[in-house]
């Protein structure tokens, strides 16, 4: 599919966890994509970090972390921010992207959105530590409030 989209003149991007990623598949992907985002969760953090290293070692500059921004993941987000500054596997990381939880579907009753104050603290932490970060469009009002 990625080869076909390239033939049509489009540059594909995708998100993965890294589970079952082989070096061969990573190499093929790097030759076709513009960017990848690695979803990092507490239960697969090392898999995610190894995946990031695999892509950045292959020269993919647009390698990002996707992480769920919710009250229930707040401590984990700060752990990942600390790791960005201390874990060598993340040296080539482009940015961390915070994805706002929408309490619908599978998230209903399980995750709660960050408050404006929690989001402001997260934003300030990234800015103070010079951590490149981004967010999805659902976070725009909270980001605007934070800055």
Protein backbone atom coordinates (compact mmCIF):
# COMPACT_ATOMS: atom_id res chain seq x y z
CA UNK A 1 0.00 0.00 0.00
CA UNK A 2 2.81 2.43 0.86
CA UNK A 3 4.57 1.69 -2.42
CA UNK A 4 1.33 2.35 -4.28
CA UNK A 5 0.70 5.67 -2.52
CA UNK A 6 4.26 6.71 -3.41
CA UNK A 7 3.56 5.84 -7.05
CA UNK A 8 0.55 8.17 -6.86
CA UNK A 9 2.76 10.96 -5.52
CA UNK A 10 1.69 10.78 -1.88
CA UNK A 11 4.06 10.31 1.05
CA UNK A 12 2.59 7.91 3.60
CA UNK A 13 3.01 8.15 7.35
CA UNK A 14 1.85 5.69 9.98
CA UNK A 15 1.66 4.95 13.68
CA UNK A 16 2.79 1.69 15.28
CA UNK A 17 3.74 0.23 18.63
CA UNK A 18 6.75 -1.63 17.29
CA UNK A 19 5.51 -5.05 18.33
CA UNK A 20 6.61 -7.54 15.65
CA UNK A 21 8.63 -4.91 13.76
CA UNK A 22 11.62 -6.49 12.05
CA UNK A 23 14.76 -4.65 10.90
CA UNK A 24 13.86 -5.56 7.31
CA UNK A 25 10.36 -4.09 7.59
CA UNK A 26 11.74 -0.97 9.28
CA UNK A 27 14.23 -0.47 6.44
CA UNK A 28 11.51 -0.87 3.80
CA UNK A 29 9.32 1.58 5.69
CA UNK A 30 12.04 4.22 6.02
CA UNK A 31 12.50 4.20 2.26
CA UNK A 32 8.78 4.92 1.73
CA UNK A 33 7.46 7.10 4.56
CA UNK A 34 7.80 10.69 5.55
CA UNK A 35 7.26 10.03 9.24
CA UNK A 36 6.34 7.41 11.81
CA UNK A 37 4.81 7.80 15.22
CA UNK A 38 5.48 5.18 17.85
CA UNK A 39 2.67 4.74 20.36
CA UNK A 40 4.28 4.31 23.75
CA UNK A 41 2.38 2.77 26.65
CA UNK A 42 3.58 1.81 30.13
CA UNK A 43 3.38 -1.89 29.27
CA UNK A 44 5.44 -1.56 26.06
CA UNK A 45 7.76 1.37 26.75
CA UNK A 46 10.95 -0.57 25.98
CA UNK A 47 9.49 -1.98 22.76
CA UNK A 48 8.55 1.57 21.76
CA UNK A 49 11.94 3.01 22.65
CA UNK A 50 13.73 0.23 20.74
CA UNK A 51 11.47 0.92 17.75
CA UNK A 52 12.34 4.62 17.87
CA UNK A 53 16.04 3.78 17.94
CA UNK A 54 15.64 1.39 15.02
CA UNK A 55 14.01 4.09 12.87
CA UNK A 56 16.36 6.90 13.90
CA UNK A 57 19.41 4.68 13.36
CA UNK A 58 18.10 4.15 9.82
CA UNK A 59 18.02 7.91 9.35
CA UNK A 60 14.30 8.65 9.68
CA UNK A 61 14.31 12.18 11.07
CA UNK A 62 10.54 12.40 11.54
CA UNK A 63 10.26 9.76 14.25
CA UNK A 64 7.81 10.79 16.96
CA UNK A 65 6.26 9.41 20.12
CA UNK A 66 2.49 9.32 20.42
CA UNK A 67 1.23 9.23 23.98
CA UNK A 68 -2.25 9.43 25.41
CA UNK A 69 -2.75 12.60 27.43
CA UNK A 70 -5.18 11.73 30.20
CA UNK A 71 -5.37 12.10 33.94
CA UNK A 72 -4.67 8.38 34.26
CA UNK A 73 -1.49 8.64 32.14
CA UNK A 74 -0.15 11.86 33.67
CA UNK A 75 2.66 10.22 35.67
CA UNK A 76 3.67 8.14 32.66
CA UNK A 77 3.85 11.24 30.43
CA UNK A 78 6.35 12.83 32.84
CA UNK A 79 8.31 9.57 32.97
CA UNK A 80 8.61 9.63 29.18
CA UNK A 81 9.64 13.30 29.25
CA UNK A 82 12.39 12.37 31.74
CA UNK A 83 13.40 9.45 29.51
CA UNK A 84 13.72 11.73 26.47
CA UNK A 85 16.51 13.50 28.30
CA UNK A 86 18.17 10.38 29.71
CA UNK A 87 17.55 7.33 27.49
CA UNK A 88 20.06 7.08 24.63
CA UNK A 89 17.53 5.24 22.48
CA UNK A 90 15.57 8.49 22.17
CA UNK A 91 18.48 10.68 21.03
CA UNK A 92 17.18 10.99 17.46
CA UNK A 93 13.55 11.55 18.43
CA UNK A 94 11.83 14.37 16.56
CA UNK A 95 9.06 15.14 19.07
CA UNK A 96 6.58 13.81 21.57
CA UNK A 97 2.97 14.24 20.47
CA UNK A 98 0.26 14.34 23.12
CA UNK A 99 -3.08 12.91 22.03
CA UNK A 100 -6.03 14.17 24.02
CA UNK A 101 -8.32 11.48 25.32
CA UNK A 102 -11.90 11.63 24.20
CA UNK A 103 -14.03 9.82 26.81
CA UNK A 104 -15.96 7.87 24.18
CA UNK A 105 -15.89 4.31 22.93
CA UNK A 106 -13.16 2.25 24.64
CA UNK A 107 -12.04 5.27 26.68
CA UNK A 108 -15.48 5.90 28.20
CA UNK A 109 -15.32 5.50 31.95
CA UNK A 110 -11.65 4.53 31.79
CA UNK A 111 -9.82 7.78 30.98
CA UNK A 112 -10.48 11.41 31.84
CA UNK A 113 -9.12 14.41 29.91
CA UNK A 114 -6.40 16.54 31.46
CA UNK A 115 -7.65 19.73 33.06
CA UNK A 116 -6.49 23.06 31.66
CA UNK A 117 -4.08 23.39 34.60
CA UNK A 118 -2.65 19.90 34.07
CA UNK A 119 -2.17 20.63 30.38
CA UNK A 120 -0.54 23.99 31.19
CA UNK A 121 1.91 22.24 33.54
CA UNK A 122 2.72 19.65 30.86
CA UNK A 123 3.30 22.39 28.27
CA UNK A 124 5.50 24.39 30.65
CA UNK A 125 7.55 21.31 31.50
CA UNK A 126 8.26 20.61 27.83
CA UNK A 127 9.10 24.24 27.11
CA UNK A 128 11.32 24.57 30.20
CA UNK A 129 13.20 21.39 29.32
CA UNK A 130 13.43 22.21 25.62
CA UNK A 131 11.53 19.04 24.70
CA UNK A 132 10.06 19.23 21.18
CA UNK A 133 6.36 18.46 21.47
CA UNK A 134 3.10 18.64 19.60
CA UNK A 135 -0.53 17.87 20.14
CA UNK A 136 -3.63 16.87 18.23
CA UNK A 137 -6.33 19.35 17.25
CA UNK A 138 -8.49 18.35 20.24
CA UNK A 139 -5.80 19.84 22.50
CA UNK A 140 -5.65 23.20 20.74
CA UNK A 141 -7.87 25.10 23.20
CA UNK A 142 -5.90 23.80 26.20
CA UNK A 143 -2.60 24.56 24.49
CA UNK A 144 -3.79 28.07 23.66
CA UNK A 145 -4.76 28.55 27.32
CA UNK A 146 -1.36 27.18 28.44
CA UNK A 147 0.67 29.62 26.38
